[in-house]
Amino acid sequence: MKMPLKKAFQLLLIIGCSWKVVLLTAQNRKDMKDIDSKTTLVVTSTANQKHIPALRAYVKKVMPMLVGLNGIVIKRSEIMDVFKGEKEFHYLLIMDFPSKMALQKMFNSDAYKALIPERDKGFISMNILFANDVK
């Protein structure tokens, strides 16, 4: 049976461990922080012109969910011109978030899943991407 990491840290501190183990747990905490680092959400989409009310309903409901996670809108744009390549989507949304895990949890939540029928009706295509800074 696996023990949650937080509980394992507490037990190690209660039992009284060597500095080596304490340093190891500190490294685990750093690793966990790295896992739940900030992320940039990139959404590309093409509207379904036959179902604009569904698109608007989806956006009206999903944006407060995203902003509620301390999401900051960086860019919300309509693609007008293409220099090279194909115009594969019409709209672009870029947002920064302090917690990738919280964002993933939101997309897996029942509240978000309830929006999927409106999303799929209102958009011909949508890509939801997570981007991390290049180091």
C-alpha atoms as a PDB file:
ATOM      1  CA  MET A   1       0.000   0.000   0.000  1.00  0.00           C
ATOM      2  CA  LYS A   2       1.419   3.357  -1.024  1.00  0.00           C
ATOM      3  CA  MET A   3       1.457   6.158   1.513  1.00  0.00           C
ATOM      4  CA  PRO A   4       0.756   9.747   0.433  1.00  0.00           C
ATOM      5  CA  LEU A   5       3.986  11.723   0.184  1.00  0.00           C
ATOM      6  CA  LYS A   6       2.886  14.376   2.691  1.00  0.00           C
ATOM      7  CA  LYS A   7       2.095  11.714   5.304  1.00  0.00           C
ATOM      8  CA  ALA A   8       5.436  10.027   4.645  1.00  0.00           C
ATOM      9  CA  PHE A   9       7.199  13.352   5.302  1.00  0.00           C
ATOM     10  CA  GLN A  10       5.314  13.727   8.585  1.00  0.00           C
ATOM     11  CA  LEU A  11       6.168  10.190   9.686  1.00  0.00           C
ATOM     12  CA  LEU A  12       9.838  10.665   8.855  1.00  0.00           C
ATOM     13  CA  LEU A  13       9.935  13.810  10.956  1.00  0.00           C
ATOM     14  CA  ILE A  14       8.081  12.168  13.855  1.00  0.00           C
ATOM     15  CA  ILE A  15      10.326   9.096  13.890  1.00  0.00           C
ATOM     16  CA  GLY A  16      13.405  11.269  13.850  1.00  0.00           C
ATOM     17  CA  CYS A  17      15.632  10.498  10.918  1.00  0.00           C
ATOM     18  CA  SER A  18      19.134  11.172   9.815  1.00  0.00           C
ATOM     19  CA  TRP A  19      20.128  14.325   7.925  1.00  0.00           C
ATOM     20  CA  LYS A  20      20.471  12.231   4.794  1.00  0.00           C
ATOM     21  CA  VAL A  21      16.790  11.265   4.874  1.00  0.00           C
ATOM     22  CA  VAL A  22      15.732  14.824   5.734  1.00  0.00           C
ATOM     23  CA  LEU A  23      17.706  16.096   2.745  1.00  0.00           C
ATOM     24  CA  LEU A  24      16.106  13.435   0.585  1.00  0.00           C
ATOM     25  CA  THR A  25      12.613  14.564   1.636  1.00  0.00           C
ATOM     26  CA  ALA A  26      13.586  18.170   0.906  1.00  0.00           C
ATOM     27  CA  GLN A  27      14.627  17.079  -2.594  1.00  0.00           C
ATOM     28  CA  ASN A  28      11.289  15.278  -3.001  1.00  0.00           C
ATOM     29  CA  ARG A  29       9.478  18.495  -2.077  1.00  0.00           C
ATOM     30  CA  LYS A  30      11.527  20.377  -4.687  1.00  0.00           C
ATOM     31  CA  ASP A  31      10.709  17.699  -7.268  1.00  0.00           C
ATOM     32  CA  MET A  32       7.011  17.989  -6.439  1.00  0.00           C
ATOM     33  CA  LYS A  33       7.196  21.760  -6.872  1.00  0.00           C
ATOM     34  CA  ASP A  34       8.838  21.256 -10.267  1.00  0.00           C
ATOM     35  CA  ILE A  35       6.016  18.892 -11.260  1.00  0.00           C
ATOM     36  CA  ASP A  36       3.393  21.477 -10.294  1.00  0.00           C
ATOM     37  CA  SER A  37       5.116  24.373 -11.969  1.00  0.00           C
ATOM     38  CA  LYS A  38       3.512  27.221 -13.796  1.00  0.00           C
ATOM     39  CA  THR A  39       2.280  26.574 -17.314  1.00  0.00           C
ATOM     40  CA  THR A  40       0.970  28.402 -20.325  1.00  0.00           C
ATOM     41  CA  LEU A  41      -2.347  27.320 -21.788  1.00  0.00           C
ATOM     42  CA  VAL A  42      -2.561  27.613 -25.570  1.00  0.00           C
ATOM     43  CA  VAL A  43      -5.962  27.028 -27.183  1.00  0.00           C
ATOM     44  CA  THR A  44      -6.453  27.077 -30.943  1.00  0.00           C
ATOM     45  CA  SER A  45      -9.933  26.738 -32.356  1.00  0.00           C
ATOM     46  CA  THR A  46     -12.241  27.112 -35.321  1.00  0.00           C
ATOM     47  CA  ALA A  47     -15.828  28.163 -34.669  1.00  0.00           C
ATOM     48  CA  ASN A  48     -18.814  26.267 -35.982  1.00  0.00           C
ATOM     49  CA  GLN A  49     -20.701  29.156 -37.618  1.00  0.00           C
ATOM     50  CA  LYS A  50     -23.937  27.125 -37.487  1.00  0.00           C
ATOM     51  CA  HIS A  51     -23.812  26.924 -33.672  1.00  0.00           C
ATOM     52  CA  ILE A  52     -22.578  30.305 -32.410  1.00  0.00           C
ATOM     53  CA  PRO A  53     -24.948  30.244 -29.369  1.00  0.00           C
ATOM     54  CA  ALA A  54     -23.244  27.015 -28.155  1.00  0.00           C
ATOM     55  CA  LEU A  55     -19.804  28.608 -28.663  1.00  0.00           C
ATOM     56  CA  ARG A  56     -20.813  31.691 -26.661  1.00  0.00           C
ATOM     57  CA  ALA A  57     -22.341  29.568 -23.889  1.00  0.00           C
ATOM     58  CA  TYR A  58     -19.138  27.518 -23.619  1.00  0.00           C
ATOM     59  CA  VAL A  59     -16.865  30.582 -23.518  1.00  0.00           C
ATOM     60  CA  LYS A  60     -19.135  32.334 -20.989  1.00  0.00           C
ATOM     61  CA  LYS A  61     -18.850  29.346 -18.642  1.00  0.00           C
ATOM     62  CA  VAL A  62     -15.242  28.261 -19.166  1.00  0.00           C
ATOM     63  CA  MET A  63     -13.546  31.673 -18.877  1.00  0.00           C
ATOM     64  CA  PRO A  64     -14.566  32.209 -15.214  1.00  0.00           C
ATOM     65  CA  MET A  65     -13.269  28.709 -14.448  1.00  0.00           C
ATOM     66  CA  LEU A  66      -9.897  29.569 -16.002  1.00  0.00           C
ATOM     67  CA  VAL A  67      -9.628  33.005 -14.404  1.00  0.00           C
ATOM     68  CA  GLY A  68     -10.653  31.411 -11.087  1.00  0.00           C
ATOM     69  CA  LEU A  69      -7.395  29.434 -11.186  1.00  0.00           C
ATOM     70  CA  ASN A  70      -5.489  32.744 -11.252  1.00  0.00           C
ATOM     71  CA  GLY A  71      -5.166  32.452 -15.004  1.00  0.00           C
ATOM     72  CA  ILE A  72      -3.931  35.577 -16.743  1.00  0.00           C
ATOM     73  CA  VAL A  73      -5.027  36.196 -20.328  1.00  0.00           C
ATOM     74  CA  ILE A  74      -1.928  36.958 -22.380  1.00  0.00           C
ATOM     75  CA  LYS A  75      -3.561  37.005 -25.803  1.00  0.00           C
ATOM     76  CA  ARG A  76      -7.031  36.386 -27.210  1.00  0.00           C
ATOM     77  CA  SER A  77      -6.940  36.813 -30.975  1.00  0.00           C
ATOM     78  CA  GLU A  78      -8.526  36.048 -34.306  1.00  0.00           C
ATOM     79  CA  ILE A  79      -6.018  34.844 -36.903  1.00  0.00           C
ATOM     80  CA  MET A  80      -6.311  37.138 -39.921  1.00  0.00           C
ATOM     81  CA  ASP A  81      -3.238  36.467 -42.084  1.00  0.00           C
ATOM     82  CA  VAL A  82      -0.801  33.600 -42.573  1.00  0.00           C
ATOM     83  CA  PHE A  83       2.764  34.293 -43.669  1.00  0.00           C
ATOM     84  CA  LYS A  84       3.743  30.631 -44.180  1.00  0.00           C
ATOM     85  CA  GLY A  85       1.758  27.446 -43.826  1.00  0.00           C
ATOM     86  CA  GLU A  86      -1.968  26.824 -43.609  1.00  0.00           C
ATOM     87  CA  LYS A  87      -4.629  28.639 -41.617  1.00  0.00           C
ATOM     88  CA  GLU A  88      -5.553  25.578 -39.569  1.00  0.00           C
ATOM     89  CA  PHE A  89      -7.520  27.498 -36.938  1.00  0.00           C
ATOM     90  CA  HIS A  90      -9.213  30.886 -36.605  1.00  0.00           C
ATOM     91  CA  TYR A  91      -8.887  31.750 -32.924  1.00  0.00           C
ATOM     92  CA  LEU A  92      -6.030  31.731 -30.428  1.00  0.00           C
ATOM     93  CA  LEU A  93      -6.106  32.001 -26.635  1.00  0.00           C
ATOM     94  CA  ILE A  94      -2.926  32.166 -24.539  1.00  0.00           C
ATOM     95  CA  MET A  95      -3.082  32.243 -20.727  1.00  0.00           C
ATOM     96  CA  ASP A  96      -0.489  31.831 -17.970  1.00  0.00           C
ATOM     97  CA  PHE A  97      -1.243  29.788 -14.841  1.00  0.00           C
ATOM     98  CA  PRO A  98       0.673  29.381 -11.582  1.00  0.00           C
ATOM     99  CA  SER A  99      -0.285  25.696 -11.279  1.00  0.00           C
ATOM    100  CA  LYS A 100      -0.320  23.139 -14.081  1.00  0.00           C
ATOM    101  CA  MET A 101      -1.832  20.543 -11.754  1.00  0.00           C
ATOM    102  CA  ALA A 102      -4.767  22.815 -10.847  1.00  0.00           C
ATOM    103  CA  LEU A 103      -5.415  23.475 -14.532  1.00  0.00           C
ATOM    104  CA  GLN A 104      -5.328  19.760 -15.366  1.00  0.00           C
ATOM    105  CA  LYS A 105      -7.659  19.079 -12.441  1.00  0.00           C
ATOM    106  CA  MET A 106     -10.103  21.677 -13.769  1.00  0.00           C
ATOM    107  CA  PHE A 107     -10.122  20.097 -17.245  1.00  0.00           C
ATOM    108  CA  ASN A 108     -10.789  16.683 -15.653  1.00  0.00           C
ATOM    109  CA  SER A 109     -13.528  17.996 -13.335  1.00  0.00           C
ATOM    110  CA  ASP A 110     -17.217  17.161 -13.649  1.00  0.00           C
ATOM    111  CA  ALA A 111     -17.943  20.883 -14.013  1.00  0.00           C
ATOM    112  CA  TYR A 112     -15.741  21.093 -17.118  1.00  0.00           C
ATOM    113  CA  LYS A 113     -16.919  17.765 -18.505  1.00  0.00           C
ATOM    114  CA  ALA A 114     -20.471  19.167 -18.386  1.00  0.00           C
ATOM    115  CA  LEU A 115     -19.332  21.870 -20.861  1.00  0.00           C
ATOM    116  CA  ILE A 116     -17.955  19.427 -23.437  1.00  0.00           C
ATOM    117  CA  PRO A 117     -21.241  19.029 -25.396  1.00  0.00           C
ATOM    118  CA  GLU A 118     -21.449  22.825 -25.862  1.00  0.00           C
ATOM    119  CA  ARG A 119     -17.743  22.971 -26.727  1.00  0.00           C
ATOM    120  CA  ASP A 120     -18.034  20.222 -29.318  1.00  0.00           C
ATOM    121  CA  LYS A 121     -21.150  21.801 -30.837  1.00  0.00           C
ATOM    122  CA  GLY A 122     -19.754  25.344 -30.908  1.00  0.00           C
ATOM    123  CA  PHE A 123     -16.365  24.523 -32.419  1.00  0.00           C
ATOM    124  CA  ILE A 124     -15.409  22.569 -35.525  1.00  0.00           C
ATOM    125  CA  SER A 125     -11.990  21.991 -33.979  1.00  0.00           C
ATOM    126  CA  MET A 126     -10.150  22.858 -30.780  1.00  0.00           C
ATOM    127  CA  ASN A 127      -6.662  22.102 -29.518  1.00  0.00           C
ATOM    128  CA  ILE A 128      -5.928  22.545 -25.807  1.00  0.00           C
ATOM    129  CA  LEU A 129      -2.177  22.608 -25.178  1.00  0.00           C
ATOM    130  CA  PHE A 130       0.104  23.123 -22.161  1.00  0.00           C
ATOM    131  CA  ALA A 131       3.423  24.850 -22.799  1.00  0.00           C
ATOM    132  CA  ASN A 132       6.353  25.146 -20.413  1.00  0.00           C
ATOM    133  CA  ASP A 133       9.201  27.639 -20.617  1.00  0.00           C
ATOM    134  CA  VAL A 134      12.237  26.423 -22.538  1.00  0.00           C
ATOM    135  CA  LYS A 135      15.236  26.189 -20.209  1.00  0.00           C
END
